[in-house]
Protein backbone atom coordinates (compact mmCIF):
# COMPACT_ATOMS: atom_id res chain seq x y z
CA MET A 1 8.75 21.01 -15.63
CA SER A 2 6.59 19.26 -17.16
CA LYS A 3 3.78 20.39 -19.67
CA THR A 4 1.02 22.53 -17.72
CA THR A 5 -2.36 20.92 -17.23
CA ILE A 6 -5.71 23.05 -16.89
CA ASN A 7 -5.93 21.72 -13.32
CA GLY A 8 -1.87 23.31 -13.01
CA PHE A 9 -3.60 26.65 -14.56
CA PHE A 10 -6.35 26.64 -12.19
CA LEU A 11 -4.05 25.79 -8.98
CA TYR A 12 -1.58 28.74 -10.27
CA LEU A 13 -4.65 31.25 -10.57
CA THR A 14 -5.72 30.62 -6.87
CA ILE A 15 -1.90 31.06 -5.74
CA THR A 16 -1.03 34.25 -7.44
CA SER A 17 -4.43 35.67 -6.46
CA LEU A 18 -3.91 34.95 -2.76
CA TYR A 19 -0.35 36.14 -3.48
CA THR A 20 -1.82 39.20 -5.16
CA VAL A 21 -3.85 39.72 -1.76
CA ALA A 22 -0.82 39.58 0.45
CA VAL A 23 1.53 41.77 -1.64
CA ILE A 24 -1.09 44.45 -1.94
CA ARG A 25 -1.43 44.25 2.15
CA ASP A 26 2.38 44.00 2.53
CA ILE A 27 2.72 47.40 0.01
CA PHE A 28 -0.05 49.36 0.83
CA PHE A 29 -1.46 48.88 4.40
CA ASN A 30 0.76 47.71 6.36
CA LYS A 31 1.24 49.99 9.10
CA ARG A 32 4.80 48.39 10.90
CA THR A 33 6.48 51.61 10.12
CA GLU A 34 8.59 51.41 13.12
CA LEU A 35 10.53 48.16 11.68
CA TYR A 36 10.17 49.30 7.96
CA LYS A 37 11.42 52.34 8.46
CA SER A 38 14.39 50.82 10.23
CA PHE A 39 18.03 49.80 8.42
CA GLY A 40 17.09 46.88 5.72
CA GLY A 41 12.98 47.87 5.56
CA ARG A 42 10.99 44.66 4.82
CA PHE A 43 13.49 43.16 3.09
CA LYS A 44 15.30 42.12 6.39
CA TYR A 45 12.61 39.45 6.97
CA LEU A 46 13.03 36.47 5.10
CA THR A 47 9.10 35.97 5.22
CA ILE A 48 8.82 38.72 2.69
CA LEU A 49 11.82 38.04 0.67
CA ASN A 50 10.01 34.91 0.56
CA LEU A 51 6.61 36.25 -0.47
CA TYR A 52 7.98 38.10 -3.25
CA VAL A 53 10.13 35.32 -4.54
CA HIS A 54 6.77 32.78 -4.67
CA TYR A 55 4.52 35.38 -6.39
CA VAL A 56 7.23 36.43 -9.33
CA TYR A 57 7.64 32.72 -9.61
CA PHE A 58 3.89 31.88 -9.41
CA ILE A 59 3.14 34.57 -12.15
CA ILE A 60 5.47 33.57 -14.60
CA ASN A 61 4.32 29.86 -14.26
CA LEU A 62 0.61 31.32 -14.69
CA LEU A 63 1.80 33.54 -17.61
CA VAL A 64 3.54 29.86 -19.47
CA ALA A 65 -0.03 28.16 -18.43
CA ILE A 66 -1.64 30.27 -20.38
CA ALA A 67 0.65 30.31 -23.32
CA GLU A 68 0.93 27.00 -23.34
CA LEU A 69 -3.22 26.10 -22.98
CA THR A 70 -4.25 28.96 -25.79
CA MET A 71 -0.86 28.39 -27.96
CA SER A 72 0.00 25.78 -30.84
CA ARG A 73 2.59 23.06 -29.23
CA LYS A 74 5.68 24.24 -31.16
CA ASN A 75 5.15 27.80 -30.07
CA SER A 76 5.07 26.81 -26.75
CA LYS A 77 8.29 25.67 -26.71
CA ASN A 78 9.67 29.06 -26.88
CA PHE A 79 8.94 28.98 -23.21
CA SER A 80 11.09 26.51 -22.44
CA LYS A 81 13.99 28.09 -21.08
CA LEU A 82 11.39 29.66 -18.61
CA LYS A 83 10.33 26.78 -17.88
CA GLN A 84 13.95 25.48 -17.10
CA PHE A 85 14.34 28.98 -14.95
CA CYS A 86 10.69 28.26 -13.15
CA ASN A 87 12.21 24.78 -12.24
CA SER A 88 15.47 26.31 -11.11
CA LEU A 89 13.59 28.77 -8.66
CA TYR A 90 11.40 25.82 -7.74
CA THR A 91 13.39 23.44 -6.46
CA SER A 92 16.13 25.57 -4.85
CA ILE A 93 14.12 28.32 -3.36
CA VAL A 94 10.41 28.08 -3.65
CA PHE A 95 10.13 24.70 -2.12
CA PRO A 96 12.66 24.76 0.49
CA VAL A 97 13.01 27.75 1.66
CA GLY A 98 8.36 28.17 1.28
CA LEU A 99 8.67 24.92 3.83
CA PHE A 100 11.30 26.66 5.68
CA VAL A 101 9.52 29.37 6.11
CA ALA A 102 6.07 27.88 7.46
CA ILE A 103 7.92 25.25 9.22
CA THR A 104 10.45 27.60 11.81
CA PHE A 105 7.79 30.50 12.12
CA TRP A 106 4.80 28.01 13.41
CA GLY A 107 7.51 25.80 15.39
CA ILE A 108 8.90 29.08 17.04
CA PHE A 109 5.55 30.69 17.25
CA PHE A 110 3.95 27.59 19.59
CA PHE A 111 6.95 27.24 21.46
CA ASP A 112 7.63 30.85 22.65
CA ARG A 113 5.36 33.54 20.07
CA GLU A 114 7.40 36.49 21.90
CA LEU A 115 10.63 35.05 20.13
CA ILE A 116 9.21 35.48 16.63
CA PHE A 117 5.81 37.64 16.35
CA PRO A 118 5.39 39.14 19.79
CA LYS A 119 1.30 39.92 20.82
CA ALA A 120 2.05 43.71 20.65
CA VAL A 121 1.86 43.07 16.20
CA ASP A 122 -1.26 41.33 16.67
CA HIS A 123 -3.71 44.46 15.63
CA LEU A 124 -0.99 45.48 12.98
CA ILE A 125 -1.53 41.89 11.22
CA PRO A 126 -4.50 40.11 10.73
CA ILE A 127 -4.05 36.27 11.08
CA TRP A 128 -5.73 35.72 7.55
CA GLN A 129 -2.32 37.90 6.30
CA ASN A 130 -0.30 35.65 8.72
CA HIS A 131 -1.45 32.73 7.45
CA LEU A 132 -0.89 34.08 3.45
CA VAL A 133 2.96 34.74 4.17
CA HIS A 134 3.78 32.56 7.18
CA THR A 135 1.56 28.76 5.76
CA LEU A 136 0.62 29.65 2.38
CA PRO A 137 4.33 29.20 1.66
CA LEU A 138 4.20 25.19 2.37
CA VAL A 139 0.89 24.73 1.04
CA ALA A 140 1.58 26.07 -2.28
CA PRO A 141 4.76 24.73 -3.37
CA ILE A 142 3.19 20.82 -2.07
CA LEU A 143 0.18 21.06 -3.93
CA GLU A 144 2.11 22.35 -7.41
CA ASN A 145 3.97 18.99 -6.87
CA PHE A 146 0.64 17.59 -7.79
CA THR A 147 0.14 19.05 -10.33
CA THR A 148 3.76 20.00 -12.63
CA LYS A 149 7.01 17.55 -12.51
CA HIS A 150 10.06 18.91 -11.40
CA TYR A 151 13.79 18.04 -12.54
CA TYR A 152 16.33 17.91 -9.73
CA SER A 153 20.10 17.00 -9.94
CA ASP A 154 20.98 13.71 -9.48
CA SER A 155 23.66 14.57 -6.99
CA PHE A 156 22.43 15.82 -3.83
CA PHE A 157 25.36 18.09 -2.76
CA THR A 158 25.31 19.31 -6.50
CA GLY A 159 21.81 20.17 -6.08
CA VAL A 160 21.86 21.96 -2.19
CA VAL A 161 24.48 24.32 -3.29
CA PRO A 162 22.17 27.28 -4.97
CA THR A 163 20.20 26.79 -1.69
CA LEU A 164 22.69 26.87 1.29
CA PHE A 165 24.73 29.51 -0.69
CA LEU A 166 21.51 31.73 -0.66
CA ALA A 167 20.88 31.34 2.64
CA SER A 168 24.24 32.34 3.66
CA CYS A 169 24.21 35.23 1.86
CA TYR A 170 20.89 36.14 3.87
CA ILE A 171 22.60 35.03 7.03
CA ILE A 172 25.25 37.47 6.03
CA TRP A 173 22.83 40.21 5.27
CA ILE A 174 20.46 39.90 8.95
CA LEU A 175 23.90 40.61 10.58
CA ILE A 176 25.05 43.44 8.56
CA VAL A 177 21.95 44.79 9.69
CA ALA A 178 21.95 44.10 12.97
CA HIS A 179 25.91 45.37 12.80
CA VAL A 180 24.44 48.66 11.17
CA GLY A 181 21.26 49.02 11.97
CA GLY A 182 21.15 47.80 15.41
CA ILE A 183 18.37 45.42 15.03
CA TRP A 184 18.19 41.61 14.63
CA ALA A 185 15.41 41.39 12.21
CA TYR A 186 14.04 38.32 15.03
CA PRO A 187 14.17 38.65 18.91
CA VAL A 188 15.39 35.37 19.20
CA LEU A 189 18.57 36.21 17.31
CA GLU A 190 18.96 38.81 20.08
CA VAL A 191 18.79 36.67 23.00
CA LEU A 192 21.46 34.32 21.78
CA SER A 193 24.68 34.23 22.48
CA THR A 194 27.42 34.81 19.95
CA THR A 195 28.53 31.12 19.63
CA ASN A 196 24.55 30.00 20.39
CA ARG A 197 23.80 31.85 17.60
CA ALA A 198 26.43 30.18 15.25
CA ILE A 199 25.10 26.86 16.69
CA PHE A 200 21.25 28.24 15.63
CA PHE A 201 22.53 29.13 12.16
CA GLY A 202 24.48 25.67 11.35
CA VAL A 203 21.45 23.95 12.70
CA LEU A 204 19.14 26.04 10.08
CA LEU A 205 21.61 25.38 7.27
CA LEU A 206 21.35 21.77 7.90
CA PHE A 207 17.46 21.85 8.11
CA LEU A 208 17.00 23.49 4.94
CA GLY A 209 19.26 21.23 3.52
CA LEU A 210 17.45 17.90 4.39
CA LEU A 211 14.15 20.11 2.89
CA TYR A 212 15.85 20.24 -0.31
CA GLN A 213 15.96 16.73 0.10
CA MET A 214 12.20 16.02 0.92
CA GLY A 215 11.25 18.23 -1.97
CA LYS A 216 13.32 15.99 -3.73
CA LEU A 217 11.86 12.66 -2.46
CA THR A 218 8.54 13.92 -2.82
CA ASN A 219 8.60 14.63 -6.44
CA LEU A 220 9.99 11.34 -6.70
CA VAL A 221 6.86 9.89 -4.55
CA LEU A 222 4.32 11.58 -7.41
CA TRP A 223 5.67 11.12 -10.63
CA PRO A 224 7.50 7.62 -10.28
CA ASN A 225 6.90 6.72 -14.23
CA GLU A 226 8.43 9.76 -15.45
CA TRP A 227 11.58 9.44 -12.96
CA ALA A 228 12.14 5.86 -14.17
CA GLN A 229 11.74 7.01 -17.63
CA SER A 230 14.30 9.95 -17.26
CA LYS A 231 16.87 7.59 -15.68
CA ARG A 232 16.37 4.80 -18.70
CA ILE A 233 17.18 7.66 -21.03
CA LYS A 234 20.03 8.53 -18.96
CA SER A 235 21.35 5.29 -18.92
CA LYS A 236 20.87 4.73 -22.66
CA LEU A 237 22.67 7.78 -23.38
CA LYS A 238 25.55 6.98 -21.68
CA LYS A 239 26.39 3.64 -22.86
CA LYS A 240 25.93 5.25 -26.41
CA PHE A 241 28.55 8.17 -25.59
CA ASN A 242 31.08 5.05 -23.98
C-alpha cells in the first residue's frame, strides 16, 4: 500500500465512523434474536463476517494514517509490515468479498427479496442499517482505491487462491450450520436441490474470482504510472540476476 494522504485519512475516518455505527447497531440493538441465537449465531451470515473484517481493516488503516501523517518518515516505516497485511487483506477479502456481498444481495433482492431479505424482517432492520452492511461494502473499497495504491500478484491464479480458499471455507461452514443447526443461512439455499446448490456455489466462486480480477484492473486504471514503474523495477532486477 502507498503512503496515506490527507484525503486518505479523512476517507478512513468517515468509513470507520459509518462502520462503527453499523457494528454498534448489530451488537446492541439488533433484535433478530431467533436467528442470532440459532447455531452459528450472527457469524453464519457472510454479511456480518464481511462487516467485521471491513471494520477491522479500516480501523487499522485509520490508525496507520494518523501515524504516517504525524510521525517522521523514519518512524512511520515501522508500520510497513502492518501495511503489507492490510494490502493482502484488501486484495483477497475487502475488495472482492465486499463487492460480492453487495452485488449478490441486491441482485437477489430485486429478483425476489423473499429469497434473501424477507419483508418480515423490515421492522427489525432499518433501511439505513441495510445500506451500511449491504451497500457500503461496495462503495468503501472502490473509494479507497482512489486514495491508496494497492499491490497485486502478477499471476491471477496465485493472487486469487486466498480469496477462493476463504470462500470455500465459508461454504463448508454454512453446510455445517445447515447440517448441525438445521437452518440455512439464506432462504435461497433451502429451495435449491443438492445439484443446483452445488452449481450455485460454483457460479458464485467463479464470480468471486472475477471480482478479484476487477479489483486488480481497477487498481491498474487508477494508478497506471506506479504500475508501470513497478514493472520497470522488476525488469531491471530480473536482468541483474540473470
